[in-house]
Amino acid sequence: AAADGQWLLVERRPGLPAAPDEPIPCGSPELRARRGLRCEVAAMAVDVAAPPGSGGRATPRASSESGEDHMPSRVVCSACGVCVATSSDLLETREDTVVFDRLYPAGGGFDKGTKTVSCPQCELALGMRADSQFVLRRDRVAIRFEKLEILICSLKQQEIADVQPLLREAFPHSNISTRVLLKAELRGFQLVPRTATDFVVVVHRNEGRALLTDRNGFYHDVLGSAWQQTRGNVLVVMTRAEPKADADLFDRQMLKSLATQGDQPTIGAISALGRVLTWESAPSGPQVRQLQQLMAKAYFREPMGVVQGIPGPWQKQAPKVASGWCSVL
């Protein structure tokens, strides 16, 4: 978005030189004359796949097969930051509105009775449906161009070094920062990132009795702060703990024991959400796919309601952190 409030075209067409310093305003005569293209915002290449249970609807994801990391830009609620549409579904821009052919996620925030489009997280009224199109107010949505911001935390630098390339390969459209935790700082830990963090990964090497969450857990306050900052977009990775079955995401016997006999019910609730992965030295195919799905959820800031078993204080909204959002005004 330009300073004067216009949406700008970002073209990535083969054979055409990129001109990032000379964006073309949407609807300008110059654009129509030079390109004859429909005006789009952040028209990035998208690799799509229809996951099981999606009803055939394709979901954008990052592609690592050719080293590309393109993802559509996110159109988010200006009040809470949840993604409500993507740049790949933009149809046109008008003076006070932007028009999309579908919402993200499909049907999210749309009331069929009133035809009102509301944010699925904070319920702010964003616009309305007109025929088969969704017309959103430009003063109620903003566009995010940034990559997925990932933070990896661990007590051991080597664990961070081992996991970092796995995350980058699974979701190339990301920036990764790291932090080695000190045991002395774990109690009462507060995550204060320099930039808004979308996804936090806590890595633990299994060396016997695993103290992860609750009263004696090393990472209870780390995970609590991360849960608040990211609205639940966290992942616990435990190495040297191979699942007993190839299709399992984690060692079910071990996690059940920790939750029911080890006074760590919170790690059981987190694992029930598919946010715990355990492996010996590298993830399996199902674990990689789960990792990609979790990172996509974080990238699109999918809303998460109150989750049973997750401590109440974790689910309170954390103070906002400054980010590079671009307001659509």
C-alpha atoms as a PDB file:
ATOM      1  CA  ALA A   1       0.000   0.000   0.000  1.00  0.00           C
ATOM      2  CA  ALA A   2       1.302   3.418  -0.890  1.00  0.00           C
ATOM      3  CA  ALA A   3       1.417   6.428   1.401  1.00  0.00           C
ATOM      4  CA  ASP A   4      -1.649   7.866  -0.349  1.00  0.00           C
ATOM      5  CA  GLY A   5      -3.647   4.740   0.420  1.00  0.00           C
ATOM      6  CA  GLN A   6      -3.591   3.075  -3.000  1.00  0.00           C
ATOM      7  CA  TRP A   7      -2.928  -0.624  -3.358  1.00  0.00           C
ATOM      8  CA  LEU A   8       0.096  -1.288  -5.501  1.00  0.00           C
ATOM      9  CA  LEU A   9       0.934  -3.944  -8.035  1.00  0.00           C
ATOM     10  CA  VAL A  10       3.865  -6.221  -7.319  1.00  0.00           C
ATOM     11  CA  GLU A  11       4.543  -8.235 -10.454  1.00  0.00           C
ATOM     12  CA  ARG A  12       6.585 -11.419 -10.620  1.00  0.00           C
ATOM     13  CA  ARG A  13       6.196 -12.448 -14.257  1.00  0.00           C
ATOM     14  CA  PRO A  14       8.893 -14.505 -16.027  1.00  0.00           C
ATOM     15  CA  GLY A  15      10.792 -12.389 -18.499  1.00  0.00           C
ATOM     16  CA  LEU A  16       9.744  -9.075 -16.993  1.00  0.00           C
ATOM     17  CA  PRO A  17      12.332  -7.110 -15.002  1.00  0.00           C
ATOM     18  CA  ALA A  18      11.376  -6.514 -11.391  1.00  0.00           C
ATOM     19  CA  ALA A  19      11.067  -2.876 -10.370  1.00  0.00           C
ATOM     20  CA  PRO A  20      10.489  -2.934  -6.609  1.00  0.00           C
ATOM     21  CA  ASP A  21      11.367   0.730  -6.272  1.00  0.00           C
ATOM     22  CA  GLU A  22       8.781   1.803  -8.842  1.00  0.00           C
ATOM     23  CA  PRO A  23       5.428   0.289  -7.820  1.00  0.00           C
ATOM     24  CA  ILE A  24       2.500   0.979 -10.101  1.00  0.00           C
ATOM     25  CA  PRO A  25      -0.727   2.233  -8.470  1.00  0.00           C
ATOM     26  CA  CYS A  26      -3.742   0.018  -9.046  1.00  0.00           C
ATOM     27  CA  GLY A  27      -6.024   1.270 -11.794  1.00  0.00           C
ATOM     28  CA  SER A  28      -3.519   3.762 -13.183  1.00  0.00           C
ATOM     29  CA  PRO A  29      -3.567   4.525 -16.948  1.00  0.00           C
ATOM     30  CA  GLU A  30       0.116   3.616 -17.050  1.00  0.00           C
ATOM     31  CA  LEU A  31      -0.618   0.152 -15.734  1.00  0.00           C
ATOM     32  CA  ARG A  32      -3.452  -0.443 -18.191  1.00  0.00           C
ATOM     33  CA  ALA A  33      -1.383   0.803 -21.103  1.00  0.00           C
ATOM     34  CA  ARG A  34       1.780  -1.101 -20.277  1.00  0.00           C
ATOM     35  CA  ARG A  35       0.374  -4.389 -19.096  1.00  0.00           C
ATOM     36  CA  GLY A  36      -3.346  -4.719 -19.706  1.00  0.00           C
ATOM     37  CA  LEU A  37      -3.436  -6.728 -16.501  1.00  0.00           C
ATOM     38  CA  ARG A  38      -6.061  -7.003 -13.822  1.00  0.00           C
ATOM     39  CA  CYS A  39      -4.884  -5.069 -10.786  1.00  0.00           C
ATOM     40  CA  GLU A  40      -3.559  -7.380  -8.083  1.00  0.00           C
ATOM     41  CA  VAL A  41      -1.782  -6.827  -4.830  1.00  0.00           C
ATOM     42  CA  ALA A  42       1.336  -8.830  -4.110  1.00  0.00           C
ATOM     43  CA  ALA A  43       0.667 -11.315  -6.923  1.00  0.00           C
ATOM     44  CA  MET A  44       3.070 -13.928  -5.658  1.00  0.00           C
ATOM     45  CA  ALA A  45       3.404 -17.454  -7.019  1.00  0.00           C
ATOM     46  CA  VAL A  46       1.401 -19.926  -4.959  1.00  0.00           C
ATOM     47  CA  ASP A  47       1.904 -23.642  -4.595  1.00  0.00           C
ATOM     48  CA  VAL A  48      -1.453 -25.097  -3.638  1.00  0.00           C
ATOM     49  CA  ALA A  49      -2.646 -28.404  -2.276  1.00  0.00           C
ATOM     50  CA  ALA A  50      -6.012 -29.645  -1.061  1.00  0.00           C
ATOM     51  CA  PRO A  51      -5.450 -31.291   2.325  1.00  0.00           C
ATOM     52  CA  PRO A  52      -7.676 -34.089   3.626  1.00  0.00           C
ATOM     53  CA  GLY A  53     -10.954 -32.778   5.032  1.00  0.00           C
ATOM     54  CA  SER A  54     -10.739 -29.512   3.097  1.00  0.00           C
ATOM     55  CA  GLY A  55     -13.618 -30.384   0.769  1.00  0.00           C
ATOM     56  CA  GLY A  56     -11.316 -30.010  -2.219  1.00  0.00           C
ATOM     57  CA  ARG A  57     -10.444 -26.404  -1.413  1.00  0.00           C
ATOM     58  CA  ALA A  58      -6.798 -25.683  -2.089  1.00  0.00           C
ATOM     59  CA  THR A  59      -4.764 -24.187   0.709  1.00  0.00           C
ATOM     60  CA  PRO A  60      -1.665 -22.048  -0.083  1.00  0.00           C
ATOM     61  CA  ARG A  61       1.601 -23.420   1.218  1.00  0.00           C
ATOM     62  CA  ALA A  62       5.301 -22.889   0.732  1.00  0.00           C
ATOM     63  CA  SER A  63       7.160 -24.975  -1.821  1.00  0.00           C
ATOM     64  CA  SER A  64      10.630 -26.307  -1.122  1.00  0.00           C
ATOM     65  CA  GLU A  65      11.000 -28.510  -4.201  1.00  0.00           C
ATOM     66  CA  SER A  66      12.648 -25.809  -6.284  1.00  0.00           C
ATOM     67  CA  GLY A  67      13.876 -23.606  -3.488  1.00  0.00           C
ATOM     68  CA  GLU A  68      10.993 -21.169  -4.003  1.00  0.00           C
ATOM     69  CA  ASP A  69       9.419 -19.577  -0.976  1.00  0.00           C
ATOM     70  CA  HIS A  70       6.524 -17.627  -2.444  1.00  0.00           C
ATOM     71  CA  MET A  71       3.299 -17.351  -0.472  1.00  0.00           C
ATOM     72  CA  PRO A  72       0.327 -15.059  -1.021  1.00  0.00           C
ATOM     73  CA  SER A  73       0.235 -11.921   1.064  1.00  0.00           C
ATOM     74  CA  ARG A  74      -2.197 -11.967   3.981  1.00  0.00           C
ATOM     75  CA  VAL A  75      -5.109  -9.570   4.213  1.00  0.00           C
ATOM     76  CA  VAL A  76      -5.765  -9.305   7.939  1.00  0.00           C
ATOM     77  CA  CYS A  77      -8.257  -7.769  10.319  1.00  0.00           C
ATOM     78  CA  SER A  78      -6.818  -4.392  11.303  1.00  0.00           C
ATOM     79  CA  ALA A  79      -8.001  -4.895  14.894  1.00  0.00           C
ATOM     80  CA  CYS A  80      -6.612  -8.333  15.786  1.00  0.00           C
ATOM     81  CA  GLY A  81      -4.378  -9.424  12.901  1.00  0.00           C
ATOM     82  CA  VAL A  82      -6.190 -12.630  11.915  1.00  0.00           C
ATOM     83  CA  CYS A  83      -6.037 -13.441   8.199  1.00  0.00           C
ATOM     84  CA  VAL A  84      -9.407 -12.986   6.470  1.00  0.00           C
ATOM     85  CA  ALA A  85      -8.358 -13.177   2.793  1.00  0.00           C
ATOM     86  CA  THR A  86      -5.269 -13.539   0.615  1.00  0.00           C
ATOM     87  CA  SER A  87      -3.822 -11.540  -2.253  1.00  0.00           C
ATOM     88  CA  SER A  88      -4.319 -14.472  -4.640  1.00  0.00           C
ATOM     89  CA  ASP A  89      -8.096 -14.067  -4.290  1.00  0.00           C
ATOM     90  CA  LEU A  90      -8.232 -10.306  -4.913  1.00  0.00           C
ATOM     91  CA  LEU A  91     -10.607  -9.333  -7.731  1.00  0.00           C
ATOM     92  CA  GLU A  92     -10.528  -5.530  -7.727  1.00  0.00           C
ATOM     93  CA  THR A  93      -9.965  -2.436  -5.643  1.00  0.00           C
ATOM     94  CA  ARG A  94     -12.444   0.405  -5.290  1.00  0.00           C
ATOM     95  CA  GLU A  95     -12.304   3.788  -3.629  1.00  0.00           C
ATOM     96  CA  ASP A  96     -13.330   2.560  -0.178  1.00  0.00           C
ATOM     97  CA  THR A  97     -13.393  -1.224  -0.558  1.00  0.00           C
ATOM     98  CA  VAL A  98     -11.474  -4.220  -1.850  1.00  0.00           C
ATOM     99  CA  VAL A  99     -13.234  -7.181  -3.459  1.00  0.00           C
ATOM    100  CA  PHE A 100     -12.314 -10.865  -3.134  1.00  0.00           C
ATOM    101  CA  ASP A 101     -13.822 -13.982  -4.657  1.00  0.00           C
ATOM    102  CA  ARG A 102     -13.408 -15.942  -1.405  1.00  0.00           C
ATOM    103  CA  LEU A 103     -12.419 -15.546   2.198  1.00  0.00           C
ATOM    104  CA  TYR A 104      -9.720 -17.268   4.220  1.00  0.00           C
ATOM    105  CA  PRO A 105     -10.444 -19.748   5.598  1.00  0.00           C
ATOM    106  CA  ALA A 106     -13.353 -20.733   3.368  1.00  0.00           C
ATOM    107  CA  GLY A 107     -16.555 -19.301   4.844  1.00  0.00           C
ATOM    108  CA  GLY A 108     -14.740 -17.874   7.836  1.00  0.00           C
ATOM    109  CA  GLY A 109     -16.525 -14.925   9.437  1.00  0.00           C
ATOM    110  CA  PHE A 110     -19.425 -14.929   6.982  1.00  0.00           C
ATOM    111  CA  ASP A 111     -22.996 -14.763   8.336  1.00  0.00           C
ATOM    112  CA  LYS A 112     -25.342 -16.167   5.675  1.00  0.00           C
ATOM    113  CA  GLY A 113     -28.352 -14.613   7.366  1.00  0.00           C
ATOM    114  CA  THR A 114     -27.181 -11.000   7.293  1.00  0.00           C
ATOM    115  CA  LYS A 115     -24.554 -11.328   4.522  1.00  0.00           C
ATOM    116  CA  THR A 116     -22.152  -9.574   6.895  1.00  0.00           C
ATOM    117  CA  VAL A 117     -18.458 -10.481   6.835  1.00  0.00           C
ATOM    118  CA  SER A 118     -16.964 -10.312  10.326  1.00  0.00           C
ATOM    119  CA  CYS A 119     -13.524 -11.180  11.670  1.00  0.00           C
ATOM    120  CA  PRO A 120     -13.658 -14.817  12.872  1.00  0.00           C
ATOM    121  CA  GLN A 121     -11.505 -13.880  15.878  1.00  0.00           C
ATOM    122  CA  CYS A 122     -12.677 -10.502  17.224  1.00  0.00           C
ATOM    123  CA  GLU A 123     -15.986 -10.292  15.307  1.00  0.00           C
ATOM    124  CA  LEU A 124     -15.266  -6.818  13.913  1.00  0.00           C
ATOM    125  CA  ALA A 125     -17.583  -6.155  10.955  1.00  0.00           C
ATOM    126  CA  LEU A 126     -15.316  -6.048   7.882  1.00  0.00           C
ATOM    127  CA  GLY A 127     -17.766  -5.830   4.994  1.00  0.00           C
ATOM    128  CA  MET A 128     -20.470  -7.807   3.247  1.00  0.00           C
ATOM    129  CA  ARG A 129     -21.146 -10.400   0.603  1.00  0.00           C
ATOM    130  CA  ALA A 130     -22.533  -9.235  -2.736  1.00  0.00           C
ATOM    131  CA  ASP A 131     -23.586 -12.111  -4.983  1.00  0.00           C
ATOM    132  CA  SER A 132     -20.535 -14.419  -5.071  1.00  0.00           C
ATOM    133  CA  GLN A 133     -18.033 -11.741  -4.025  1.00  0.00           C
ATOM    134  CA  PHE A 134     -16.831 -10.458  -0.661  1.00  0.00           C
ATOM    135  CA  VAL A 135     -16.539  -6.684  -0.367  1.00  0.00           C
ATOM    136  CA  LEU A 136     -14.321  -5.581   2.523  1.00  0.00           C
ATOM    137  CA  ARG A 137     -13.838  -2.051   3.831  1.00  0.00           C
ATOM    138  CA  ARG A 138     -10.352  -0.706   3.290  1.00  0.00           C
ATOM    139  CA  ASP A 139     -10.371   0.938   6.715  1.00  0.00           C
ATOM    140  CA  ARG A 140     -11.010  -2.427   8.396  1.00  0.00           C
ATOM    141  CA  VAL A 141      -8.301  -4.588   6.824  1.00  0.00           C
ATOM    142  CA  ALA A 142      -4.537  -4.376   6.357  1.00  0.00           C
ATOM    143  CA  ILE A 143      -2.047  -6.319   4.249  1.00  0.00           C
ATOM    144  CA  ARG A 144       0.984  -8.213   5.531  1.00  0.00           C
ATOM    145  CA  PHE A 145       3.863  -8.853   3.160  1.00  0.00           C
ATOM    146  CA  GLU A 146       6.266 -10.328   5.724  1.00  0.00           C
ATOM    147  CA  LYS A 147       7.529 -13.868   5.858  1.00  0.00           C
ATOM    148  CA  LEU A 148       6.650 -16.209   8.712  1.00  0.00           C
ATOM    149  CA  GLU A 149       8.664 -15.165  11.779  1.00  0.00           C
ATOM    150  CA  ILE A 150       9.908 -18.241  13.673  1.00  0.00           C
ATOM    151  CA  LEU A 151      11.712 -18.373  17.008  1.00  0.00           C
ATOM    152  CA  ILE A 152      13.527 -21.561  18.080  1.00  0.00           C
ATOM    153  CA  CYS A 153      14.315 -21.939  21.795  1.00  0.00           C
ATOM    154  CA  SER A 154      16.289 -24.649  23.581  1.00  0.00           C
ATOM    155  CA  LEU A 155      18.594 -25.208  26.505  1.00  0.00           C
ATOM    156  CA  LYS A 156      21.163 -26.611  24.074  1.00  0.00           C
ATOM    157  CA  GLN A 157      22.648 -24.822  21.070  1.00  0.00           C
ATOM    158  CA  GLN A 158      23.152 -28.114  19.218  1.00  0.00           C
ATOM    159  CA  GLU A 159      19.422 -28.889  19.340  1.00  0.00           C
ATOM    160  CA  ILE A 160      18.706 -25.512  17.761  1.00  0.00           C
ATOM    161  CA  ALA A 161      21.327 -26.117  15.072  1.00  0.00           C
ATOM    162  CA  ASP A 162      19.827 -29.518  14.238  1.00  0.00           C
ATOM    163  CA  VAL A 163      16.225 -28.314  13.979  1.00  0.00           C
ATOM    164  CA  GLN A 164      16.780 -25.007  12.169  1.00  0.00           C
ATOM    165  CA  PRO A 165      17.449 -26.441   8.675  1.00  0.00           C
ATOM    166  CA  LEU A 166      14.459 -28.771   9.028  1.00  0.00           C
ATOM    167  CA  LEU A 167      12.156 -25.806   9.641  1.00  0.00           C
ATOM    168  CA  ARG A 168      13.624 -23.804   6.792  1.00  0.00           C
ATOM    169  CA  GLU A 169      13.184 -26.684   4.365  1.00  0.00           C
ATOM    170  CA  ALA A 170       9.622 -27.345   5.529  1.00  0.00           C
ATOM    171  CA  PHE A 171       8.580 -23.686   5.134  1.00  0.00           C
ATOM    172  CA  PRO A 172      11.083 -21.641   3.083  1.00  0.00           C
ATOM    173  CA  HIS A 173       8.961 -18.469   3.245  1.00  0.00           C
ATOM    174  CA  SER A 174      10.213 -17.718   6.752  1.00  0.00           C
ATOM    175  CA  ASN A 175      12.739 -15.858   8.859  1.00  0.00           C
ATOM    176  CA  ILE A 176      14.231 -17.838  11.721  1.00  0.00           C
ATOM    177  CA  SER A 177      15.718 -16.446  14.919  1.00  0.00           C
ATOM    178  CA  THR A 178      17.091 -18.485  17.804  1.00  0.00           C
ATOM    179  CA  ARG A 179      17.558 -18.230  21.535  1.00  0.00           C
ATOM    180  CA  VAL A 180      19.536 -20.450  23.896  1.00  0.00           C
ATOM    181  CA  LEU A 181      17.653 -20.589  27.191  1.00  0.00           C
ATOM    182  CA  LEU A 182      19.316 -20.402  30.588  1.00  0.00           C
ATOM    183  CA  LYS A 183      17.840 -22.437  33.425  1.00  0.00           C
ATOM    184  CA  ALA A 184      18.144 -19.441  35.747  1.00  0.00           C
ATOM    185  CA  GLU A 185      15.733 -17.401  33.570  1.00  0.00           C
ATOM    186  CA  LEU A 186      13.063 -20.034  32.996  1.00  0.00           C
ATOM    187  CA  ARG A 187      10.915 -19.342  36.058  1.00  0.00           C
ATOM    188  CA  GLY A 188       8.672 -16.373  35.240  1.00  0.00           C
ATOM    189  CA  PHE A 189      10.075 -16.200  31.693  1.00  0.00           C
ATOM    190  CA  GLN A 190       8.573 -13.539  29.428  1.00  0.00           C
ATOM    191  CA  LEU A 191       9.136 -13.609  25.698  1.00  0.00           C
ATOM    192  CA  VAL A 192       9.910 -10.110  24.444  1.00  0.00           C
ATOM    193  CA  PRO A 193      10.832 -10.446  20.751  1.00  0.00           C
ATOM    194  CA  ARG A 194      12.266  -7.534  18.803  1.00  0.00           C
ATOM    195  CA  THR A 195       9.672  -8.128  16.092  1.00  0.00           C
ATOM    196  CA  ALA A 196       6.285  -9.839  16.118  1.00  0.00           C
ATOM    197  CA  THR A 197       6.813 -13.614  16.298  1.00  0.00           C
ATOM    198  CA  ASP A 198       4.345 -15.909  14.523  1.00  0.00           C
ATOM    199  CA  PHE A 199       5.595 -19.373  15.531  1.00  0.00           C
ATOM    200  CA  VAL A 200       7.665 -20.530  18.508  1.00  0.00           C
ATOM    201  CA  VAL A 201       9.427 -23.912  18.580  1.00  0.00           C
ATOM    202  CA  VAL A 202      10.781 -25.259  21.876  1.00  0.00           C
ATOM    203  CA  VAL A 203      13.281 -28.088  21.425  1.00  0.00           C
ATOM    204  CA  HIS A 204      14.184 -30.522  24.227  1.00  0.00           C
ATOM    205  CA  ARG A 205      16.648 -33.405  24.134  1.00  0.00           C
ATOM    206  CA  ASN A 206      15.262 -36.415  25.957  1.00  0.00           C
ATOM    207  CA  GLU A 207      17.854 -37.555  28.477  1.00  0.00           C
ATOM    208  CA  GLY A 208      15.708 -39.508  30.905  1.00  0.00           C
ATOM    209  CA  ARG A 209      12.924 -37.957  32.934  1.00  0.00           C
ATOM    210  CA  ALA A 210      11.417 -35.186  30.812  1.00  0.00           C
ATOM    211  CA  LEU A 211      10.351 -32.142  32.837  1.00  0.00           C
ATOM    212  CA  LEU A 212       8.502 -30.034  30.286  1.00  0.00           C
ATOM    213  CA  THR A 213       5.457 -28.267  31.734  1.00  0.00           C
ATOM    214  CA  ASP A 214       3.502 -27.462  34.887  1.00  0.00           C
ATOM    215  CA  ARG A 215       5.011 -27.089  38.367  1.00  0.00           C
ATOM    216  CA  ASN A 216       8.425 -28.675  37.752  1.00  0.00           C
ATOM    217  CA  GLY A 217       8.620 -28.206  34.008  1.00  0.00           C
ATOM    218  CA  PHE A 218      11.540 -26.305  32.515  1.00  0.00           C
ATOM    219  CA  TYR A 219       9.473 -24.752  29.726  1.00  0.00           C
ATOM    220  CA  HIS A 220       6.115 -24.033  31.356  1.00  0.00           C
ATOM    221  CA  ASP A 221       6.548 -20.252  31.491  1.00  0.00           C
ATOM    222  CA  VAL A 222       8.368 -20.179  28.136  1.00  0.00           C
ATOM    223  CA  LEU A 223       5.471 -21.958  26.466  1.00  0.00           C
ATOM    224  CA  GLY A 224       2.923 -19.834  28.311  1.00  0.00           C
ATOM    225  CA  SER A 225       4.483 -16.593  27.137  1.00  0.00           C
ATOM    226  CA  ALA A 226       4.890 -17.947  23.597  1.00  0.00           C
ATOM    227  CA  TRP A 227       1.287 -19.136  23.562  1.00  0.00           C
ATOM    228  CA  GLN A 228       0.110 -15.643  24.465  1.00  0.00           C
ATOM    229  CA  GLN A 229       2.349 -13.923  21.917  1.00  0.00           C
ATOM    230  CA  THR A 230       1.410 -16.240  19.034  1.00  0.00           C
ATOM    231  CA  ARG A 231      -2.163 -17.164  20.044  1.00  0.00           C
ATOM    232  CA  GLY A 232      -1.268 -20.799  20.410  1.00  0.00           C
ATOM    233  CA  ASN A 233       1.113 -21.174  17.469  1.00  0.00           C
ATOM    234  CA  VAL A 234       3.734 -23.133  19.374  1.00  0.00           C
ATOM    235  CA  LEU A 235       5.432 -26.479  18.861  1.00  0.00           C
ATOM    236  CA  VAL A 236       7.348 -28.714  21.260  1.00  0.00           C
ATOM    237  CA  VAL A 237       9.980 -30.939  19.630  1.00  0.00           C
ATOM    238  CA  MET A 238      11.614 -33.697  21.657  1.00  0.00           C
ATOM    239  CA  THR A 239      14.630 -35.458  20.166  1.00  0.00           C
ATOM    240  CA  ARG A 240      15.976 -38.894  21.093  1.00  0.00           C
ATOM    241  CA  ALA A 241      12.389 -40.068  21.523  1.00  0.00           C
ATOM    242  CA  GLU A 242      11.287 -42.195  18.577  1.00  0.00           C
ATOM    243  CA  PRO A 243       7.527 -42.831  18.186  1.00  0.00           C
ATOM    244  CA  LYS A 244       6.571 -46.481  18.515  1.00  0.00           C
ATOM    245  CA  ALA A 245       4.534 -46.425  15.271  1.00  0.00           C
ATOM    246  CA  ASP A 246       5.635 -44.904  11.954  1.00  0.00           C
ATOM    247  CA  ALA A 247       2.428 -42.900  11.544  1.00  0.00           C
ATOM    248  CA  ASP A 248       2.511 -41.408  15.060  1.00  0.00           C
ATOM    249  CA  LEU A 249       3.545 -37.804  15.604  1.00  0.00           C
ATOM    250  CA  PHE A 250       5.004 -38.525  19.037  1.00  0.00           C
ATOM    251  CA  ASP A 251       5.764 -41.322  21.488  1.00  0.00           C
ATOM    252  CA  ARG A 252       2.215 -41.836  22.742  1.00  0.00           C
ATOM    253  CA  GLN A 253       3.190 -43.986  25.692  1.00  0.00           C
ATOM    254  CA  MET A 254       5.722 -41.452  26.943  1.00  0.00           C
ATOM    255  CA  LEU A 255       3.396 -38.449  26.537  1.00  0.00           C
ATOM    256  CA  LYS A 256       0.546 -40.267  28.249  1.00  0.00           C
ATOM    257  CA  SER A 257       2.847 -41.127  31.153  1.00  0.00           C
ATOM    258  CA  LEU A 258       4.034 -37.517  31.459  1.00  0.00           C
ATOM    259  CA  ALA A 259       0.472 -36.180  31.415  1.00  0.00           C
ATOM    260  CA  THR A 260      -1.161 -38.675  33.759  1.00  0.00           C
ATOM    261  CA  GLN A 261       1.641 -39.892  36.027  1.00  0.00           C
ATOM    262  CA  GLY A 262       4.284 -37.178  35.717  1.00  0.00           C
ATOM    263  CA  ASP A 263       2.152 -34.236  36.932  1.00  0.00           C
ATOM    264  CA  GLN A 264       2.375 -32.570  33.519  1.00  0.00           C
ATOM    265  CA  PRO A 265      -1.203 -32.417  32.192  1.00  0.00           C
ATOM    266  CA  THR A 266      -0.421 -29.362  30.053  1.00  0.00           C
ATOM    267  CA  ILE A 267       1.978 -31.240  27.765  1.00  0.00           C
ATOM    268  CA  GLY A 268      -0.791 -33.783  27.278  1.00  0.00           C
ATOM    269  CA  ALA A 269      -3.193 -31.039  26.165  1.00  0.00           C
ATOM    270  CA  ILE A 270      -0.571 -29.600  23.804  1.00  0.00           C
ATOM    271  CA  SER A 271       0.098 -33.027  22.277  1.00  0.00           C
ATOM    272  CA  ALA A 272      -3.648 -33.559  21.764  1.00  0.00           C
ATOM    273  CA  LEU A 273      -3.568 -30.470  19.505  1.00  0.00           C
ATOM    274  CA  GLY A 274      -0.835 -32.052  17.362  1.00  0.00           C
ATOM    275  CA  ARG A 275       1.716 -29.551  18.675  1.00  0.00           C
ATOM    276  CA  VAL A 276       4.227 -32.051  20.049  1.00  0.00           C
ATOM    277  CA  LEU A 277       6.597 -33.976  17.776  1.00  0.00           C
ATOM    278  CA  THR A 278       9.136 -36.524  18.990  1.00  0.00           C
ATOM    279  CA  TRP A 279      11.830 -38.177  16.900  1.00  0.00           C
ATOM    280  CA  GLU A 280      15.238 -39.746  17.307  1.00  0.00           C
ATOM    281  CA  SER A 281      17.337 -37.523  15.036  1.00  0.00           C
ATOM    282  CA  ALA A 282      15.082 -36.550  12.110  1.00  0.00           C
ATOM    283  CA  PRO A 283      11.317 -36.233  11.486  1.00  0.00           C
ATOM    284  CA  SER A 284       9.304 -38.834   9.597  1.00  0.00           C
ATOM    285  CA  GLY A 285       7.161 -38.043   6.566  1.00  0.00           C
ATOM    286  CA  PRO A 286       3.954 -37.599   8.605  1.00  0.00           C
ATOM    287  CA  GLN A 287       5.824 -35.362  11.051  1.00  0.00           C
ATOM    288  CA  VAL A 288       7.133 -33.147   8.246  1.00  0.00           C
ATOM    289  CA  ARG A 289       3.611 -32.772   6.865  1.00  0.00           C
ATOM    290  CA  GLN A 290       2.288 -31.906  10.308  1.00  0.00           C
ATOM    291  CA  LEU A 291       5.063 -29.358  10.710  1.00  0.00           C
ATOM    292  CA  GLN A 292       4.122 -27.712   7.412  1.00  0.00           C
ATOM    293  CA  GLN A 293       0.462 -27.562   8.401  1.00  0.00           C
ATOM    294  CA  LEU A 294       1.273 -25.941  11.743  1.00  0.00           C
ATOM    295  CA  MET A 295       3.525 -23.380  10.087  1.00  0.00           C
ATOM    296  CA  ALA A 296       0.844 -22.552   7.510  1.00  0.00           C
ATOM    297  CA  LYS A 297      -1.668 -22.029  10.328  1.00  0.00           C
ATOM    298  CA  ALA A 298       0.800 -19.660  11.980  1.00  0.00           C
ATOM    299  CA  TYR A 299       1.505 -17.809   8.726  1.00  0.00           C
ATOM    300  CA  PHE A 300      -2.194 -17.158   8.139  1.00  0.00           C
ATOM    301  CA  ARG A 301      -2.848 -16.432  11.832  1.00  0.00           C
ATOM    302  CA  GLU A 302      -5.806 -18.795  11.887  1.00  0.00           C
ATOM    303  CA  PRO A 303      -8.028 -18.052  14.899  1.00  0.00           C
ATOM    304  CA  MET A 304      -7.893 -20.375  17.888  1.00  0.00           C
ATOM    305  CA  GLY A 305     -10.576 -20.436  20.532  1.00  0.00           C
ATOM    306  CA  VAL A 306     -10.299 -21.427  24.171  1.00  0.00           C
ATOM    307  CA  VAL A 307      -8.685 -24.868  24.392  1.00  0.00           C
ATOM    308  CA  GLN A 308      -9.502 -27.303  27.178  1.00  0.00           C
ATOM    309  CA  GLY A 309      -6.461 -28.319  29.189  1.00  0.00           C
ATOM    310  CA  ILE A 310      -4.434 -25.232  28.318  1.00  0.00           C
ATOM    311  CA  PRO A 311      -3.877 -22.980  31.380  1.00  0.00           C
ATOM    312  CA  GLY A 312      -6.215 -19.997  31.527  1.00  0.00           C
ATOM    313  CA  PRO A 313      -3.470 -17.344  31.808  1.00  0.00           C
ATOM    314  CA  TRP A 314      -1.899 -18.638  28.596  1.00  0.00           C
ATOM    315  CA  GLN A 315      -5.087 -17.905  26.683  1.00  0.00           C
ATOM    316  CA  LYS A 316      -5.292 -14.253  27.648  1.00  0.00           C
ATOM    317  CA  GLN A 317      -4.271 -11.904  24.870  1.00  0.00           C
ATOM    318  CA  ALA A 318      -0.721 -10.598  25.212  1.00  0.00           C
ATOM    319  CA  PRO A 319       0.194  -6.920  24.643  1.00  0.00           C
ATOM    320  CA  LYS A 320       0.736  -6.116  20.991  1.00  0.00           C
ATOM    321  CA  VAL A 321       4.269  -6.075  19.577  1.00  0.00           C
ATOM    322  CA  ALA A 322       5.142  -3.581  16.860  1.00  0.00           C
ATOM    323  CA  SER A 323       5.214  -5.106  13.408  1.00  0.00           C
ATOM    324  CA  GLY A 324       5.643  -4.146   9.781  1.00  0.00           C
ATOM    325  CA  TRP A 325       1.978  -4.316   8.841  1.00  0.00           C
ATOM    326  CA  CYS A 326       0.949  -2.135   5.957  1.00  0.00           C
ATOM    327  CA  SER A 327      -2.387  -0.443   6.582  1.00  0.00           C
ATOM    328  CA  VAL A 328      -4.856  -0.349   3.726  1.00  0.00           C
ATOM    329  CA  LEU A 329      -6.243   3.149   4.004  1.00  0.00           C
END
